[in-house]
Amino acid sequence: MVENPLIWHAMVVLGMPVAAKNMHEALRVVPRVQADLPRCLQTFCSTFRENSIRMRNQFFRHELIQLMWTKYIEEESTYISRYLESLINVEEKQSEAATLLREIFVLSNRLDFQIIRPELLQTEGNP
């Protein structure tokens, strides 16, 4: 059982069907979640909109994300593999794919956390 209340609050934020800018108002009846909202929004909402290595590092370091992400890569490994292949097989996207895989490889090693299955990182330019 997870005992960190921030994790439960983050799950509420992840499940809210409102934009980040409307989150405070939507959670007015849940003051404890509202109190953690600044930390939750930065980690669980902004990460998907910003291209920031620092934010991705913070995101994947979070215990809740590691639990959920591990389940995601197990369940969706075929989809992830097809997506990466589609990037690699389109000449205009090869540079983007190489950058993405390199960043995933470095971040996975830095955090000692598997962001995608290791066999998907076995491409040119990555060990």
C-alpha atoms as a PDB file:
ATOM      1  CA  MET A   1       0.000   0.000   0.000  1.00  0.00           C
ATOM      2  CA  VAL A   2       1.311   3.432  -0.925  1.00  0.00           C
ATOM      3  CA  GLU A   3       1.395   5.736   2.093  1.00  0.00           C
ATOM      4  CA  ASN A   4       2.548   8.958   0.472  1.00  0.00           C
ATOM      5  CA  PRO A   5      -0.522  11.259   0.162  1.00  0.00           C
ATOM      6  CA  LEU A   6       1.130  13.137  -2.711  1.00  0.00           C
ATOM      7  CA  ILE A   7       0.841   9.980  -4.821  1.00  0.00           C
ATOM      8  CA  TRP A   8      -2.905   9.772  -4.197  1.00  0.00           C
ATOM      9  CA  HIS A   9      -3.285  13.487  -4.930  1.00  0.00           C
ATOM     10  CA  ALA A  10      -1.291  13.069  -8.138  1.00  0.00           C
ATOM     11  CA  MET A  11      -3.620  10.268  -9.226  1.00  0.00           C
ATOM     12  CA  VAL A  12      -6.571  12.612  -8.726  1.00  0.00           C
ATOM     13  CA  VAL A  13      -4.845  15.273 -10.847  1.00  0.00           C
ATOM     14  CA  LEU A  14      -4.011  12.748 -13.584  1.00  0.00           C
ATOM     15  CA  GLY A  15      -7.627  11.632 -13.704  1.00  0.00           C
ATOM     16  CA  MET A  16      -9.222  15.074 -13.820  1.00  0.00           C
ATOM     17  CA  PRO A  17     -10.910  15.835 -17.155  1.00  0.00           C
ATOM     18  CA  VAL A  18     -10.002  19.537 -17.025  1.00  0.00           C
ATOM     19  CA  ALA A  19      -7.118  21.670 -18.257  1.00  0.00           C
ATOM     20  CA  ALA A  20      -4.368  22.482 -15.782  1.00  0.00           C
ATOM     21  CA  LYS A  21      -5.475  26.122 -15.633  1.00  0.00           C
ATOM     22  CA  ASN A  22      -8.942  25.009 -14.381  1.00  0.00           C
ATOM     23  CA  MET A  23      -7.696  22.402 -11.932  1.00  0.00           C
ATOM     24  CA  HIS A  24      -7.748  24.621  -8.823  1.00  0.00           C
ATOM     25  CA  GLU A  25     -11.420  25.461  -9.307  1.00  0.00           C
ATOM     26  CA  ALA A  26     -12.349  21.863 -10.168  1.00  0.00           C
ATOM     27  CA  LEU A  27     -10.733  20.628  -6.942  1.00  0.00           C
ATOM     28  CA  ARG A  28     -12.248  23.255  -4.641  1.00  0.00           C
ATOM     29  CA  VAL A  29     -14.157  20.520  -2.754  1.00  0.00           C
ATOM     30  CA  VAL A  30     -10.936  18.587  -2.082  1.00  0.00           C
ATOM     31  CA  PRO A  31      -8.744  21.031  -0.123  1.00  0.00           C
ATOM     32  CA  ARG A  32      -5.997  18.508   0.659  1.00  0.00           C
ATOM     33  CA  VAL A  33      -5.482  17.828  -3.033  1.00  0.00           C
ATOM     34  CA  GLN A  34      -5.664  21.557  -3.738  1.00  0.00           C
ATOM     35  CA  ALA A  35      -2.825  22.118  -1.262  1.00  0.00           C
ATOM     36  CA  ASP A  36      -0.542  19.811  -3.277  1.00  0.00           C
ATOM     37  CA  LEU A  37      -1.738  21.149  -6.607  1.00  0.00           C
ATOM     38  CA  PRO A  38       1.326  23.286  -7.417  1.00  0.00           C
ATOM     39  CA  ARG A  39       3.647  20.268  -7.066  1.00  0.00           C
ATOM     40  CA  CYS A  40       1.256  17.935  -8.873  1.00  0.00           C
ATOM     41  CA  LEU A  41       0.646  20.275 -11.807  1.00  0.00           C
ATOM     42  CA  GLN A  42       4.314  20.812 -12.481  1.00  0.00           C
ATOM     43  CA  THR A  43       5.120  17.111 -12.429  1.00  0.00           C
ATOM     44  CA  PHE A  44       1.971  15.578 -13.892  1.00  0.00           C
ATOM     45  CA  CYS A  45       0.637  18.188 -16.324  1.00  0.00           C
ATOM     46  CA  SER A  46       3.470  20.397 -17.558  1.00  0.00           C
ATOM     47  CA  THR A  47       5.752  17.453 -18.385  1.00  0.00           C
ATOM     48  CA  PHE A  48       3.542  16.557 -21.339  1.00  0.00           C
ATOM     49  CA  ARG A  49       3.569  20.076 -22.768  1.00  0.00           C
ATOM     50  CA  GLU A  50       7.182  21.152 -22.319  1.00  0.00           C
ATOM     51  CA  ASN A  51      10.346  19.876 -23.934  1.00  0.00           C
ATOM     52  CA  SER A  52      12.506  19.931 -20.834  1.00  0.00           C
ATOM     53  CA  ILE A  53      15.037  17.313 -19.803  1.00  0.00           C
ATOM     54  CA  ARG A  54      14.807  18.563 -16.208  1.00  0.00           C
ATOM     55  CA  MET A  55      11.028  18.049 -16.172  1.00  0.00           C
ATOM     56  CA  ARG A  56      11.272  14.577 -17.716  1.00  0.00           C
ATOM     57  CA  ASN A  57      13.917  13.681 -15.135  1.00  0.00           C
ATOM     58  CA  GLN A  58      11.641  14.843 -12.318  1.00  0.00           C
ATOM     59  CA  PHE A  59       8.642  13.082 -13.878  1.00  0.00           C
ATOM     60  CA  PHE A  60      10.275   9.669 -14.282  1.00  0.00           C
ATOM     61  CA  ARG A  61      11.908   9.886 -10.848  1.00  0.00           C
ATOM     62  CA  HIS A  62       8.472   9.968  -9.187  1.00  0.00           C
ATOM     63  CA  GLU A  63       7.376   6.684  -7.554  1.00  0.00           C
ATOM     64  CA  LEU A  64       3.824   6.840  -8.923  1.00  0.00           C
ATOM     65  CA  ILE A  65       5.039   7.379 -12.464  1.00  0.00           C
ATOM     66  CA  GLN A  66       7.519   4.526 -12.202  1.00  0.00           C
ATOM     67  CA  LEU A  67       4.754   2.175 -11.042  1.00  0.00           C
ATOM     68  CA  MET A  68       2.345   3.289 -13.768  1.00  0.00           C
ATOM     69  CA  TRP A  69       4.986   3.519 -16.496  1.00  0.00           C
ATOM     70  CA  THR A  70       6.279   0.014 -15.806  1.00  0.00           C
ATOM     71  CA  LYS A  71       2.749  -1.295 -16.297  1.00  0.00           C
ATOM     72  CA  TYR A  72       2.359   0.811 -19.454  1.00  0.00           C
ATOM     73  CA  ILE A  73       5.508  -0.476 -21.162  1.00  0.00           C
ATOM     74  CA  GLU A  74       4.507  -4.054 -20.349  1.00  0.00           C
ATOM     75  CA  GLU A  75       0.984  -3.633 -21.717  1.00  0.00           C
ATOM     76  CA  GLU A  76       1.826  -1.473 -24.728  1.00  0.00           C
ATOM     77  CA  SER A  77       5.218  -2.772 -25.838  1.00  0.00           C
ATOM     78  CA  THR A  78       3.920  -3.700 -29.299  1.00  0.00           C
ATOM     79  CA  TYR A  79       2.456  -0.233 -29.842  1.00  0.00           C
ATOM     80  CA  ILE A  80       5.652   1.459 -28.602  1.00  0.00           C
ATOM     81  CA  SER A  81       7.744  -0.730 -30.881  1.00  0.00           C
ATOM     82  CA  ARG A  82       5.569   0.077 -33.917  1.00  0.00           C
ATOM     83  CA  TYR A  83       5.709   3.799 -33.128  1.00  0.00           C
ATOM     84  CA  LEU A  84       9.507   3.793 -32.899  1.00  0.00           C
ATOM     85  CA  GLU A  85       9.776   1.746 -36.105  1.00  0.00           C
ATOM     86  CA  SER A  86       7.535   4.258 -37.876  1.00  0.00           C
ATOM     87  CA  LEU A  87       9.882   7.072 -36.845  1.00  0.00           C
ATOM     88  CA  ILE A  88      13.007   5.156 -37.796  1.00  0.00           C
ATOM     89  CA  ASN A  89      11.622   4.066 -41.182  1.00  0.00           C
ATOM     90  CA  VAL A  90      10.673   7.563 -42.344  1.00  0.00           C
ATOM     91  CA  GLU A  91      13.731   9.385 -43.599  1.00  0.00           C
ATOM     92  CA  GLU A  92      12.517  12.802 -42.412  1.00  0.00           C
ATOM     93  CA  LYS A  93      11.939  11.415 -38.900  1.00  0.00           C
ATOM     94  CA  GLN A  94      15.195   9.471 -38.442  1.00  0.00           C
ATOM     95  CA  SER A  95      17.009  12.343 -36.761  1.00  0.00           C
ATOM     96  CA  GLU A  96      14.074  12.866 -34.391  1.00  0.00           C
ATOM     97  CA  ALA A  97      13.998   9.130 -33.622  1.00  0.00           C
ATOM     98  CA  ALA A  98      17.742   9.025 -32.924  1.00  0.00           C
ATOM     99  CA  THR A  99      17.464  12.021 -30.577  1.00  0.00           C
ATOM    100  CA  LEU A 100      14.469  10.521 -28.781  1.00  0.00           C
ATOM    101  CA  LEU A 101      16.160   7.149 -28.295  1.00  0.00           C
ATOM    102  CA  ARG A 102      19.409   8.748 -27.139  1.00  0.00           C
ATOM    103  CA  GLU A 103      17.553  10.878 -24.557  1.00  0.00           C
ATOM    104  CA  ILE A 104      15.576   7.861 -23.331  1.00  0.00           C
ATOM    105  CA  PHE A 105      18.777   5.822 -23.047  1.00  0.00           C
ATOM    106  CA  VAL A 106      20.605   8.524 -21.065  1.00  0.00           C
ATOM    107  CA  LEU A 107      17.644   9.239 -18.789  1.00  0.00           C
ATOM    108  CA  SER A 108      17.015   5.527 -18.163  1.00  0.00           C
ATOM    109  CA  ASN A 109      20.634   5.058 -17.135  1.00  0.00           C
ATOM    110  CA  ARG A 110      20.693   8.191 -14.981  1.00  0.00           C
ATOM    111  CA  LEU A 111      17.572   7.151 -13.074  1.00  0.00           C
ATOM    112  CA  ASP A 112      18.285   3.407 -13.162  1.00  0.00           C
ATOM    113  CA  PHE A 113      14.723   2.996 -14.431  1.00  0.00           C
ATOM    114  CA  GLN A 114      13.564   1.295 -17.622  1.00  0.00           C
ATOM    115  CA  ILE A 115      11.587   3.876 -19.648  1.00  0.00           C
ATOM    116  CA  ILE A 116      11.174   1.552 -22.619  1.00  0.00           C
ATOM    117  CA  ARG A 117      12.169  -2.049 -23.069  1.00  0.00           C
ATOM    118  CA  PRO A 118      15.951  -2.300 -23.518  1.00  0.00           C
ATOM    119  CA  GLU A 119      15.654  -4.158 -26.821  1.00  0.00           C
ATOM    120  CA  LEU A 120      13.898  -1.103 -28.302  1.00  0.00           C
ATOM    121  CA  LEU A 121      16.955   1.003 -27.511  1.00  0.00           C
ATOM    122  CA  GLN A 122      19.215  -1.326 -29.503  1.00  0.00           C
ATOM    123  CA  THR A 123      19.544   0.916 -32.544  1.00  0.00           C
ATOM    124  CA  GLU A 124      22.401   2.582 -34.322  1.00  0.00           C
ATOM    125  CA  GLY A 125      24.117   5.057 -32.040  1.00  0.00           C
ATOM    126  CA  ASN A 126      22.936   3.408 -28.819  1.00  0.00           C
ATOM    127  CA  PRO A 127      24.738   0.488 -27.127  1.00  0.00           C
END
